[in-house]
Amino acid sequence: MMSVISAQTLDEIVKKYTEANKLDHVASLKTIKITANMSVAGMEMPMTFYMKNPDKIKSVTSFNGQDMIQAYDGEKGYSINPMTGSTDPVEMTPDQVKQTLRNNIFQNSMANYLKNGQLALAGEEKVNDKPAYKIKATIEGGAVIDMLIDKSSFFLVKTSTTTEMNGMTVTMDSYPTDYTETSGIMIPMKTSTSAQGMDIVINFTKVEVDVPMEDSFFKIK
Protein backbone atom coordinates (compact mmCIF):
# COMPACT_ATOMS: atom_id res chain seq x y z
CA MET A 1 0.00 0.00 0.00
CA MET A 2 2.85 2.38 0.82
CA SER A 3 4.27 2.14 -2.70
CA VAL A 4 0.87 3.06 -4.17
CA ILE A 5 0.59 6.09 -1.87
CA SER A 6 4.14 7.19 -2.80
CA ALA A 7 3.40 6.83 -6.52
CA GLN A 8 0.27 8.98 -6.19
CA THR A 9 2.18 11.59 -4.19
CA LEU A 10 4.97 11.67 -6.76
CA ASP A 11 2.39 12.02 -9.55
CA GLU A 12 0.85 15.01 -7.81
CA ILE A 13 4.21 16.69 -7.17
CA VAL A 14 5.21 16.34 -10.83
CA LYS A 15 1.83 17.67 -11.95
CA LYS A 16 2.12 20.76 -9.74
CA TYR A 17 5.77 21.24 -10.76
CA THR A 18 4.74 21.11 -14.44
CA GLU A 19 1.99 23.69 -13.86
CA ALA A 20 4.15 26.04 -11.76
CA ASN A 21 6.92 26.04 -14.35
CA LYS A 22 4.50 26.35 -17.30
CA LEU A 23 6.14 23.35 -18.97
CA ASP A 24 3.12 22.65 -21.18
CA HIS A 25 3.67 26.07 -22.77
CA VAL A 26 7.41 25.36 -23.13
CA ALA A 27 6.61 22.23 -25.14
CA SER A 28 4.67 24.33 -27.67
CA LEU A 29 7.63 26.63 -28.41
CA LYS A 30 9.99 26.22 -31.35
CA THR A 31 13.14 27.84 -29.97
CA ILE A 32 14.57 29.49 -26.85
CA LYS A 33 17.54 31.86 -26.77
CA ILE A 34 19.09 32.88 -23.46
CA THR A 35 21.73 35.57 -23.00
CA ALA A 36 23.72 35.13 -19.79
CA ASN A 37 26.84 35.94 -17.84
CA MET A 38 28.97 33.42 -15.93
CA SER A 39 31.14 34.40 -12.98
CA VAL A 40 33.85 31.97 -11.89
CA ALA A 41 37.03 32.58 -9.88
CA GLY A 42 36.65 36.34 -10.28
CA MET A 43 36.30 36.11 -14.07
CA GLU A 44 33.22 37.26 -15.99
CA MET A 45 32.30 35.38 -19.16
CA PRO A 46 29.37 36.26 -21.48
CA MET A 47 27.33 33.24 -22.57
CA THR A 48 24.54 32.57 -25.04
CA PHE A 49 22.38 29.44 -25.14
CA TYR A 50 20.40 28.46 -28.23
CA MET A 51 17.82 25.66 -28.02
CA LYS A 52 15.57 24.26 -30.73
CA ASN A 53 12.72 21.88 -29.99
CA PRO A 54 13.12 18.99 -29.38
CA ASP A 55 16.83 18.28 -28.89
CA LYS A 56 19.15 20.77 -30.59
CA ILE A 57 21.34 22.97 -28.40
CA LYS A 58 24.33 25.26 -28.80
CA SER A 59 26.19 27.30 -26.20
CA VAL A 60 28.81 29.98 -26.83
CA THR A 61 31.01 31.19 -23.97
CA SER A 62 33.39 34.10 -24.61
CA PHE A 63 36.68 34.49 -22.76
CA ASN A 64 39.61 36.75 -23.63
CA GLY A 65 38.17 37.38 -27.10
CA GLN A 66 37.82 33.69 -27.91
CA ASP A 67 34.66 31.59 -28.10
CA MET A 68 34.23 28.19 -26.46
CA ILE A 69 31.41 26.39 -28.27
CA GLN A 70 29.39 23.28 -27.53
CA ALA A 71 26.73 22.09 -29.95
CA TYR A 72 24.46 19.10 -30.46
CA ASP A 73 22.62 18.91 -33.78
CA GLY A 74 20.22 16.10 -32.87
CA GLU A 75 22.65 13.39 -33.93
CA LYS A 76 26.16 14.33 -32.89
CA GLY A 77 27.79 16.75 -30.48
CA TYR A 78 30.99 18.73 -31.00
CA SER A 79 32.93 21.21 -28.91
CA ILE A 80 35.51 23.86 -29.74
CA ASN A 81 37.77 25.01 -26.93
CA PRO A 82 40.56 27.44 -27.94
CA MET A 83 41.89 27.19 -24.37
CA THR A 84 43.30 23.78 -25.34
CA GLY A 85 45.41 25.42 -28.03
CA SER A 86 43.25 24.25 -30.93
CA THR A 87 40.17 25.64 -32.66
CA ASP A 88 39.32 22.31 -34.32
CA PRO A 89 35.95 20.75 -33.43
CA VAL A 90 36.21 17.70 -31.16
CA GLU A 91 33.41 15.14 -31.09
CA MET A 92 31.75 14.80 -27.69
CA THR A 93 31.60 11.49 -25.88
CA PRO A 94 28.13 10.02 -25.25
CA ASP A 95 28.38 11.13 -21.60
CA GLN A 96 29.27 14.70 -22.66
CA VAL A 97 26.26 14.74 -25.00
CA LYS A 98 23.97 13.64 -22.16
CA GLN A 99 25.42 16.32 -19.89
CA THR A 100 24.87 18.96 -22.61
CA LEU A 101 21.27 17.86 -23.20
CA ARG A 102 20.53 18.32 -19.49
CA ASN A 103 20.93 22.06 -20.13
CA ASN A 104 18.26 21.95 -22.84
CA ILE A 105 14.95 23.22 -21.44
CA PHE A 106 13.05 21.19 -24.04
CA GLN A 107 14.73 17.98 -22.79
CA ASN A 108 14.52 18.71 -19.07
CA SER A 109 11.07 17.26 -18.46
CA MET A 110 10.32 15.73 -15.08
CA ALA A 111 7.10 14.37 -16.58
CA ASN A 112 9.17 12.31 -19.04
CA TYR A 113 11.35 11.01 -16.20
CA LEU A 114 8.18 10.00 -14.34
CA LYS A 115 6.70 8.29 -17.39
CA ASN A 116 9.93 6.33 -17.89
CA GLY A 117 10.05 5.22 -14.25
CA GLN A 118 13.19 7.27 -13.55
CA LEU A 119 11.86 9.14 -10.48
CA ALA A 120 11.53 8.10 -6.85
CA LEU A 121 10.24 10.12 -3.91
CA ALA A 122 12.97 10.24 -1.24
CA GLY A 123 11.31 12.13 1.60
CA GLU A 124 11.73 15.79 2.46
CA GLU A 125 14.61 18.13 3.16
CA LYS A 126 15.00 21.81 4.00
CA VAL A 127 16.60 24.24 1.54
CA ASN A 128 17.29 27.67 3.03
CA ASP A 129 15.08 26.72 5.99
CA LYS A 130 12.10 26.00 3.74
CA PRO A 131 10.67 22.47 3.34
CA ALA A 132 11.15 20.77 -0.01
CA TYR A 133 10.24 17.44 -1.57
CA LYS A 134 13.30 15.34 -2.37
CA ILE A 135 13.07 13.42 -5.62
CA LYS A 136 15.76 11.09 -6.95
CA ALA A 137 16.07 11.07 -10.73
CA THR A 138 18.04 8.20 -12.25
CA ILE A 139 18.98 9.44 -15.71
CA GLU A 140 20.71 8.03 -18.76
CA GLY A 141 24.03 6.40 -17.94
CA GLY A 142 22.97 5.63 -14.37
CA ALA A 143 23.74 9.08 -12.94
CA VAL A 144 21.54 10.10 -10.02
CA ILE A 145 20.32 13.65 -9.45
CA ASP A 146 18.65 14.67 -6.20
CA MET A 147 16.02 17.28 -7.07
CA LEU A 148 14.58 19.44 -4.28
CA ILE A 149 11.15 20.92 -5.07
CA ASP A 150 9.90 23.72 -2.81
CA LYS A 151 6.65 22.62 -1.12
CA SER A 152 4.90 25.96 -1.50
CA SER A 153 6.02 27.24 -4.94
CA PHE A 154 6.79 23.85 -6.59
CA PHE A 155 9.92 25.41 -8.11
CA LEU A 156 13.19 23.49 -8.26
CA VAL A 157 15.36 25.03 -5.53
CA LYS A 158 18.34 22.68 -5.46
CA THR A 159 19.93 19.87 -7.44
CA SER A 160 22.71 17.65 -6.19
CA THR A 161 24.56 15.55 -8.77
CA THR A 162 27.31 13.03 -8.14
CA THR A 163 29.43 12.33 -11.20
CA GLU A 164 32.83 10.97 -12.19
CA MET A 165 35.29 13.67 -13.26
CA ASN A 166 38.92 12.91 -14.13
CA GLY A 167 38.70 9.64 -12.23
CA MET A 168 37.29 11.30 -9.12
CA THR A 169 33.79 11.27 -7.66
CA VAL A 170 32.52 14.85 -7.58
CA THR A 171 29.33 16.16 -6.00
CA MET A 172 27.90 19.27 -7.63
CA ASP A 173 25.25 21.33 -5.81
CA SER A 174 23.23 23.91 -7.75
CA TYR A 175 20.72 26.44 -6.43
CA PRO A 176 18.35 27.99 -9.02
CA THR A 177 16.76 31.24 -7.77
CA ASP A 178 15.10 34.46 -8.97
CA TYR A 179 12.30 32.71 -10.89
CA THR A 180 10.78 35.10 -13.42
CA GLU A 181 8.07 34.60 -16.04
CA THR A 182 9.44 35.63 -19.41
CA SER A 183 7.63 35.12 -22.71
CA GLY A 184 5.18 32.81 -20.96
CA ILE A 185 7.80 30.49 -19.47
CA MET A 186 9.13 30.36 -15.90
CA ILE A 187 12.93 30.64 -15.73
CA PRO A 188 15.35 30.77 -12.77
CA MET A 189 17.35 33.85 -13.72
CA LYS A 190 20.23 32.95 -11.38
CA THR A 191 21.92 29.62 -10.66
CA SER A 192 24.72 29.23 -8.13
CA THR A 193 26.79 26.04 -8.32
CA SER A 194 29.53 24.70 -6.07
CA ALA A 195 31.82 21.79 -6.92
CA GLN A 196 35.29 20.87 -5.65
CA GLY A 197 35.53 24.14 -3.74
CA MET A 198 34.78 26.22 -6.85
CA ASP A 199 31.77 28.51 -7.02
CA ILE A 200 30.11 29.30 -10.34
CA VAL A 201 27.25 31.80 -10.73
CA ILE A 202 25.27 32.10 -13.96
CA ASN A 203 22.92 35.07 -14.36
CA PHE A 204 20.42 35.13 -17.23
CA THR A 205 19.99 38.64 -18.61
CA LYS A 206 17.60 38.05 -21.53
CA VAL A 207 15.22 35.27 -22.58
CA GLU A 208 13.75 35.16 -26.10
CA VAL A 209 11.41 32.58 -27.61
CA ASP A 210 10.67 31.46 -31.17
CA VAL A 211 13.73 33.24 -32.59
CA PRO A 212 14.32 31.73 -36.08
CA MET A 213 17.17 29.18 -36.00
CA GLU A 214 18.19 27.01 -38.95
CA ASP A 215 19.13 23.40 -38.23
CA SER A 216 22.51 24.08 -39.84
CA PHE A 217 23.26 26.60 -37.08
CA PHE A 218 23.72 23.69 -34.67
CA LYS A 219 26.24 21.88 -36.86
CA ILE A 220 29.88 22.87 -36.29
CA LYS A 221 31.36 20.06 -38.37
C-alpha atoms as a PDB file:
ATOM      1  CA  MET A   1       0.000   0.000   0.000  1.00  0.00           C
ATOM      2  CA  MET A   2       2.851   2.380   0.821  1.00  0.00           C
ATOM      3  CA  SER A   3       4.268   2.140  -2.701  1.00  0.00           C
ATOM      4  CA  VAL A   4       0.874   3.060  -4.169  1.00  0.00           C
ATOM      5  CA  ILE A   5       0.590   6.092  -1.870  1.00  0.00           C
ATOM      6  CA  SER A   6       4.138   7.189  -2.796  1.00  0.00           C
ATOM      7  CA  ALA A   7       3.400   6.833  -6.515  1.00  0.00           C
ATOM      8  CA  GLN A   8       0.267   8.977  -6.190  1.00  0.00           C
ATOM      9  CA  THR A   9       2.184  11.592  -4.195  1.00  0.00           C
ATOM     10  CA  LEU A  10       4.971  11.671  -6.763  1.00  0.00           C
ATOM     11  CA  ASP A  11       2.390  12.022  -9.552  1.00  0.00           C
ATOM     12  CA  GLU A  12       0.848  15.012  -7.809  1.00  0.00           C
ATOM     13  CA  ILE A  13       4.205  16.690  -7.171  1.00  0.00           C
ATOM     14  CA  VAL A  14       5.213  16.339 -10.832  1.00  0.00           C
ATOM     15  CA  LYS A  15       1.829  17.667 -11.949  1.00  0.00           C
ATOM     16  CA  LYS A  16       2.119  20.761  -9.743  1.00  0.00           C
ATOM     17  CA  TYR A  17       5.768  21.237 -10.763  1.00  0.00           C
ATOM     18  CA  THR A  18       4.741  21.115 -14.437  1.00  0.00           C
ATOM     19  CA  GLU A  19       1.990  23.691 -13.860  1.00  0.00           C
ATOM     20  CA  ALA A  20       4.146  26.038 -11.759  1.00  0.00           C
ATOM     21  CA  ASN A  21       6.922  26.044 -14.353  1.00  0.00           C
ATOM     22  CA  LYS A  22       4.503  26.348 -17.297  1.00  0.00           C
ATOM     23  CA  LEU A  23       6.141  23.355 -18.975  1.00  0.00           C
ATOM     24  CA  ASP A  24       3.116  22.652 -21.181  1.00  0.00           C
ATOM     25  CA  HIS A  25       3.674  26.066 -22.772  1.00  0.00           C
ATOM     26  CA  VAL A  26       7.408  25.363 -23.128  1.00  0.00           C
ATOM     27  CA  ALA A  27       6.614  22.228 -25.139  1.00  0.00           C
ATOM     28  CA  SER A  28       4.673  24.333 -27.675  1.00  0.00           C
ATOM     29  CA  LEU A  29       7.631  26.632 -28.406  1.00  0.00           C
ATOM     30  CA  LYS A  30       9.988  26.219 -31.350  1.00  0.00           C
ATOM     31  CA  THR A  31      13.140  27.835 -29.968  1.00  0.00           C
ATOM     32  CA  ILE A  32      14.565  29.487 -26.851  1.00  0.00           C
ATOM     33  CA  LYS A  33      17.541  31.855 -26.770  1.00  0.00           C
ATOM     34  CA  ILE A  34      19.094  32.877 -23.460  1.00  0.00           C
ATOM     35  CA  THR A  35      21.732  35.573 -23.001  1.00  0.00           C
ATOM     36  CA  ALA A  36      23.715  35.127 -19.790  1.00  0.00           C
ATOM     37  CA  ASN A  37      26.843  35.939 -17.840  1.00  0.00           C
ATOM     38  CA  MET A  38      28.967  33.423 -15.932  1.00  0.00           C
ATOM     39  CA  SER A  39      31.139  34.404 -12.980  1.00  0.00           C
ATOM     40  CA  VAL A  40      33.855  31.967 -11.892  1.00  0.00           C
ATOM     41  CA  ALA A  41      37.033  32.580  -9.882  1.00  0.00           C
ATOM     42  CA  GLY A  42      36.651  36.343 -10.280  1.00  0.00           C
ATOM     43  CA  MET A  43      36.297  36.109 -14.068  1.00  0.00           C
ATOM     44  CA  GLU A  44      33.216  37.258 -15.987  1.00  0.00           C
ATOM     45  CA  MET A  45      32.302  35.380 -19.163  1.00  0.00           C
ATOM     46  CA  PRO A  46      29.375  36.265 -21.477  1.00  0.00           C
ATOM     47  CA  MET A  47      27.335  33.240 -22.567  1.00  0.00           C
ATOM     48  CA  THR A  48      24.543  32.570 -25.036  1.00  0.00           C
ATOM     49  CA  PHE A  49      22.385  29.436 -25.138  1.00  0.00           C
ATOM     50  CA  TYR A  50      20.398  28.457 -28.234  1.00  0.00           C
ATOM     51  CA  MET A  51      17.818  25.658 -28.024  1.00  0.00           C
ATOM     52  CA  LYS A  52      15.569  24.263 -30.734  1.00  0.00           C
ATOM     53  CA  ASN A  53      12.716  21.879 -29.986  1.00  0.00           C
ATOM     54  CA  PRO A  54      13.119  18.989 -29.380  1.00  0.00           C
ATOM     55  CA  ASP A  55      16.831  18.276 -28.890  1.00  0.00           C
ATOM     56  CA  LYS A  56      19.152  20.766 -30.591  1.00  0.00           C
ATOM     57  CA  ILE A  57      21.339  22.968 -28.401  1.00  0.00           C
ATOM     58  CA  LYS A  58      24.328  25.263 -28.797  1.00  0.00           C
ATOM     59  CA  SER A  59      26.195  27.301 -26.203  1.00  0.00           C
ATOM     60  CA  VAL A  60      28.809  29.984 -26.833  1.00  0.00           C
ATOM     61  CA  THR A  61      31.013  31.191 -23.969  1.00  0.00           C
ATOM     62  CA  SER A  62      33.391  34.098 -24.614  1.00  0.00           C
ATOM     63  CA  PHE A  63      36.680  34.493 -22.755  1.00  0.00           C
ATOM     64  CA  ASN A  64      39.608  36.749 -23.634  1.00  0.00           C
ATOM     65  CA  GLY A  65      38.174  37.381 -27.099  1.00  0.00           C
ATOM     66  CA  GLN A  66      37.817  33.689 -27.907  1.00  0.00           C
ATOM     67  CA  ASP A  67      34.664  31.588 -28.098  1.00  0.00           C
ATOM     68  CA  MET A  68      34.232  28.195 -26.464  1.00  0.00           C
ATOM     69  CA  ILE A  69      31.409  26.394 -28.274  1.00  0.00           C
ATOM     70  CA  GLN A  70      29.390  23.275 -27.528  1.00  0.00           C
ATOM     71  CA  ALA A  71      26.725  22.092 -29.953  1.00  0.00           C
ATOM     72  CA  TYR A  72      24.464  19.101 -30.459  1.00  0.00           C
ATOM     73  CA  ASP A  73      22.623  18.910 -33.782  1.00  0.00           C
ATOM     74  CA  GLY A  74      20.219  16.105 -32.875  1.00  0.00           C
ATOM     75  CA  GLU A  75      22.646  13.387 -33.931  1.00  0.00           C
ATOM     76  CA  LYS A  76      26.164  14.333 -32.895  1.00  0.00           C
ATOM     77  CA  GLY A  77      27.789  16.746 -30.483  1.00  0.00           C
ATOM     78  CA  TYR A  78      30.985  18.734 -30.995  1.00  0.00           C
ATOM     79  CA  SER A  79      32.926  21.210 -28.912  1.00  0.00           C
ATOM     80  CA  ILE A  80      35.507  23.860 -29.743  1.00  0.00           C
ATOM     81  CA  ASN A  81      37.771  25.011 -26.931  1.00  0.00           C
ATOM     82  CA  PRO A  82      40.556  27.440 -27.945  1.00  0.00           C
ATOM     83  CA  MET A  83      41.892  27.187 -24.366  1.00  0.00           C
ATOM     84  CA  THR A  84      43.302  23.775 -25.340  1.00  0.00           C
ATOM     85  CA  GLY A  85      45.414  25.419 -28.031  1.00  0.00           C
ATOM     86  CA  SER A  86      43.251  24.252 -30.932  1.00  0.00           C
ATOM     87  CA  THR A  87      40.173  25.641 -32.663  1.00  0.00           C
ATOM     88  CA  ASP A  88      39.323  22.314 -34.320  1.00  0.00           C
ATOM     89  CA  PRO A  89      35.947  20.749 -33.429  1.00  0.00           C
ATOM     90  CA  VAL A  90      36.210  17.700 -31.159  1.00  0.00           C
ATOM     91  CA  GLU A  91      33.413  15.141 -31.087  1.00  0.00           C
ATOM     92  CA  MET A  92      31.749  14.804 -27.688  1.00  0.00           C
ATOM     93  CA  THR A  93      31.598  11.491 -25.876  1.00  0.00           C
ATOM     94  CA  PRO A  94      28.126  10.016 -25.253  1.00  0.00           C
ATOM     95  CA  ASP A  95      28.380  11.132 -21.597  1.00  0.00           C
ATOM     96  CA  GLN A  96      29.266  14.696 -22.658  1.00  0.00           C
ATOM     97  CA  VAL A  97      26.257  14.742 -25.000  1.00  0.00           C
ATOM     98  CA  LYS A  98      23.969  13.636 -22.158  1.00  0.00           C
ATOM     99  CA  GLN A  99      25.419  16.325 -19.889  1.00  0.00           C
ATOM    100  CA  THR A 100      24.867  18.957 -22.609  1.00  0.00           C
ATOM    101  CA  LEU A 101      21.268  17.865 -23.200  1.00  0.00           C
ATOM    102  CA  ARG A 102      20.530  18.323 -19.488  1.00  0.00           C
ATOM    103  CA  ASN A 103      20.930  22.058 -20.135  1.00  0.00           C
ATOM    104  CA  ASN A 104      18.255  21.955 -22.836  1.00  0.00           C
ATOM    105  CA  ILE A 105      14.947  23.224 -21.436  1.00  0.00           C
ATOM    106  CA  PHE A 106      13.048  21.189 -24.045  1.00  0.00           C
ATOM    107  CA  GLN A 107      14.725  17.982 -22.786  1.00  0.00           C
ATOM    108  CA  ASN A 108      14.524  18.713 -19.073  1.00  0.00           C
ATOM    109  CA  SER A 109      11.065  17.265 -18.458  1.00  0.00           C
ATOM    110  CA  MET A 110      10.320  15.730 -15.083  1.00  0.00           C
ATOM    111  CA  ALA A 111       7.103  14.372 -16.579  1.00  0.00           C
ATOM    112  CA  ASN A 112       9.170  12.314 -19.041  1.00  0.00           C
ATOM    113  CA  TYR A 113      11.349  11.012 -16.202  1.00  0.00           C
ATOM    114  CA  LEU A 114       8.185   9.996 -14.344  1.00  0.00           C
ATOM    115  CA  LYS A 115       6.704   8.291 -17.390  1.00  0.00           C
ATOM    116  CA  ASN A 116       9.932   6.329 -17.894  1.00  0.00           C
ATOM    117  CA  GLY A 117      10.054   5.219 -14.253  1.00  0.00           C
ATOM    118  CA  GLN A 118      13.185   7.274 -13.546  1.00  0.00           C
ATOM    119  CA  LEU A 119      11.865   9.136 -10.479  1.00  0.00           C
ATOM    120  CA  ALA A 120      11.533   8.104  -6.846  1.00  0.00           C
ATOM    121  CA  LEU A 121      10.239  10.123  -3.907  1.00  0.00           C
ATOM    122  CA  ALA A 122      12.970  10.236  -1.239  1.00  0.00           C
ATOM    123  CA  GLY A 123      11.306  12.135   1.602  1.00  0.00           C
ATOM    124  CA  GLU A 124      11.728  15.789   2.458  1.00  0.00           C
ATOM    125  CA  GLU A 125      14.612  18.133   3.158  1.00  0.00           C
ATOM    126  CA  LYS A 126      15.002  21.810   3.999  1.00  0.00           C
ATOM    127  CA  VAL A 127      16.598  24.240   1.544  1.00  0.00           C
ATOM    128  CA  ASN A 128      17.294  27.675   3.029  1.00  0.00           C
ATOM    129  CA  ASP A 129      15.081  26.720   5.992  1.00  0.00           C
ATOM    130  CA  LYS A 130      12.096  26.001   3.740  1.00  0.00           C
ATOM    131  CA  PRO A 131      10.670  22.469   3.340  1.00  0.00           C
ATOM    132  CA  ALA A 132      11.150  20.771  -0.012  1.00  0.00           C
ATOM    133  CA  TYR A 133      10.241  17.436  -1.565  1.00  0.00           C
ATOM    134  CA  LYS A 134      13.299  15.337  -2.371  1.00  0.00           C
ATOM    135  CA  ILE A 135      13.065  13.417  -5.623  1.00  0.00           C
ATOM    136  CA  LYS A 136      15.761  11.095  -6.945  1.00  0.00           C
ATOM    137  CA  ALA A 137      16.072  11.071 -10.727  1.00  0.00           C
ATOM    138  CA  THR A 138      18.039   8.196 -12.254  1.00  0.00           C
ATOM    139  CA  ILE A 139      18.975   9.435 -15.706  1.00  0.00           C
ATOM    140  CA  GLU A 140      20.706   8.032 -18.762  1.00  0.00           C
ATOM    141  CA  GLY A 141      24.027   6.402 -17.943  1.00  0.00           C
ATOM    142  CA  GLY A 142      22.970   5.627 -14.370  1.00  0.00           C
ATOM    143  CA  ALA A 143      23.738   9.082 -12.937  1.00  0.00           C
ATOM    144  CA  VAL A 144      21.536  10.097 -10.020  1.00  0.00           C
ATOM    145  CA  ILE A 145      20.320  13.653  -9.449  1.00  0.00           C
ATOM    146  CA  ASP A 146      18.653  14.671  -6.196  1.00  0.00           C
ATOM    147  CA  MET A 147      16.023  17.278  -7.065  1.00  0.00           C
ATOM    148  CA  LEU A 148      14.580  19.438  -4.282  1.00  0.00           C
ATOM    149  CA  ILE A 149      11.147  20.916  -5.071  1.00  0.00           C
ATOM    150  CA  ASP A 150       9.901  23.724  -2.814  1.00  0.00           C
ATOM    151  CA  LYS A 151       6.654  22.617  -1.117  1.00  0.00           C
ATOM    152  CA  SER A 152       4.896  25.958  -1.500  1.00  0.00           C
ATOM    153  CA  SER A 153       6.018  27.235  -4.937  1.00  0.00           C
ATOM    154  CA  PHE A 154       6.794  23.854  -6.591  1.00  0.00           C
ATOM    155  CA  PHE A 155       9.918  25.414  -8.112  1.00  0.00           C
ATOM    156  CA  LEU A 156      13.187  23.486  -8.265  1.00  0.00           C
ATOM    157  CA  VAL A 157      15.361  25.031  -5.529  1.00  0.00           C
ATOM    158  CA  LYS A 158      18.337  22.677  -5.460  1.00  0.00           C
ATOM    159  CA  THR A 159      19.930  19.867  -7.439  1.00  0.00           C
ATOM    160  CA  SER A 160      22.713  17.651  -6.192  1.00  0.00           C
ATOM    161  CA  THR A 161      24.557  15.551  -8.768  1.00  0.00           C
ATOM    162  CA  THR A 162      27.314  13.026  -8.142  1.00  0.00           C
ATOM    163  CA  THR A 163      29.432  12.334 -11.203  1.00  0.00           C
ATOM    164  CA  GLU A 164      32.830  10.973 -12.194  1.00  0.00           C
ATOM    165  CA  MET A 165      35.286  13.668 -13.261  1.00  0.00           C
ATOM    166  CA  ASN A 166      38.917  12.913 -14.128  1.00  0.00           C
ATOM    167  CA  GLY A 167      38.703   9.640 -12.235  1.00  0.00           C
ATOM    168  CA  MET A 168      37.291  11.297  -9.119  1.00  0.00           C
ATOM    169  CA  THR A 169      33.787  11.266  -7.658  1.00  0.00           C
ATOM    170  CA  VAL A 170      32.523  14.849  -7.583  1.00  0.00           C
ATOM    171  CA  THR A 171      29.332  16.164  -5.996  1.00  0.00           C
ATOM    172  CA  MET A 172      27.902  19.269  -7.626  1.00  0.00           C
ATOM    173  CA  ASP A 173      25.253  21.325  -5.809  1.00  0.00           C
ATOM    174  CA  SER A 174      23.229  23.906  -7.750  1.00  0.00           C
ATOM    175  CA  TYR A 175      20.716  26.439  -6.429  1.00  0.00           C
ATOM    176  CA  PRO A 176      18.353  27.992  -9.021  1.00  0.00           C
ATOM    177  CA  THR A 177      16.759  31.240  -7.773  1.00  0.00           C
ATOM    178  CA  ASP A 178      15.096  34.457  -8.971  1.00  0.00           C
ATOM    179  CA  TYR A 179      12.301  32.712 -10.889  1.00  0.00           C
ATOM    180  CA  THR A 180      10.780  35.102 -13.417  1.00  0.00           C
ATOM    181  CA  GLU A 181       8.073  34.596 -16.036  1.00  0.00           C
ATOM    182  CA  THR A 182       9.442  35.631 -19.407  1.00  0.00           C
ATOM    183  CA  SER A 183       7.630  35.123 -22.709  1.00  0.00           C
ATOM    184  CA  GLY A 184       5.182  32.808 -20.959  1.00  0.00           C
ATOM    185  CA  ILE A 185       7.805  30.494 -19.467  1.00  0.00           C
ATOM    186  CA  MET A 186       9.134  30.358 -15.901  1.00  0.00           C
ATOM    187  CA  ILE A 187      12.925  30.638 -15.730  1.00  0.00           C
ATOM    188  CA  PRO A 188      15.352  30.770 -12.767  1.00  0.00           C
ATOM    189  CA  MET A 189      17.352  33.853 -13.717  1.00  0.00           C
ATOM    190  CA  LYS A 190      20.233  32.954 -11.384  1.00  0.00           C
ATOM    191  CA  THR A 191      21.922  29.622 -10.659  1.00  0.00           C
ATOM    192  CA  SER A 192      24.723  29.235  -8.127  1.00  0.00           C
ATOM    193  CA  THR A 193      26.788  26.035  -8.322  1.00  0.00           C
ATOM    194  CA  SER A 194      29.527  24.704  -6.070  1.00  0.00           C
ATOM    195  CA  ALA A 195      31.824  21.794  -6.916  1.00  0.00           C
ATOM    196  CA  GLN A 196      35.287  20.873  -5.653  1.00  0.00           C
ATOM    197  CA  GLY A 197      35.526  24.135  -3.745  1.00  0.00           C
ATOM    198  CA  MET A 198      34.783  26.222  -6.846  1.00  0.00           C
ATOM    199  CA  ASP A 199      31.767  28.514  -7.019  1.00  0.00           C
ATOM    200  CA  ILE A 200      30.106  29.300 -10.337  1.00  0.00           C
ATOM    201  CA  VAL A 201      27.255  31.799 -10.731  1.00  0.00           C
ATOM    202  CA  ILE A 202      25.266  32.100 -13.959  1.00  0.00           C
ATOM    203  CA  ASN A 203      22.922  35.072 -14.364  1.00  0.00           C
ATOM    204  CA  PHE A 204      20.419  35.131 -17.228  1.00  0.00           C
ATOM    205  CA  THR A 205      19.993  38.641 -18.614  1.00  0.00           C
ATOM    206  CA  LYS A 206      17.605  38.048 -21.531  1.00  0.00           C
ATOM    207  CA  VAL A 207      15.224  35.273 -22.581  1.00  0.00           C
ATOM    208  CA  GLU A 208      13.749  35.162 -26.097  1.00  0.00           C
ATOM    209  CA  VAL A 209      11.412  32.576 -27.610  1.00  0.00           C
ATOM    210  CA  ASP A 210      10.670  31.461 -31.169  1.00  0.00           C
ATOM    211  CA  VAL A 211      13.727  33.240 -32.590  1.00  0.00           C
ATOM    212  CA  PRO A 212      14.319  31.732 -36.077  1.00  0.00           C
ATOM    213  CA  MET A 213      17.172  29.176 -36.002  1.00  0.00           C
ATOM    214  CA  GLU A 214      18.189  27.013 -38.948  1.00  0.00           C
ATOM    215  CA  ASP A 215      19.126  23.399 -38.228  1.00  0.00           C
ATOM    216  CA  SER A 216      22.513  24.081 -39.841  1.00  0.00           C
ATOM    217  CA  PHE A 217      23.265  26.601 -37.079  1.00  0.00           C
ATOM    218  CA  PHE A 218      23.718  23.693 -34.665  1.00  0.00           C
ATOM    219  CA  LYS A 219      26.240  21.882 -36.865  1.00  0.00           C
ATOM    220  CA  ILE A 220      29.876  22.867 -36.292  1.00  0.00           C
ATOM    221  CA  LYS A 221      31.363  20.062 -38.371  1.00  0.00           C
END
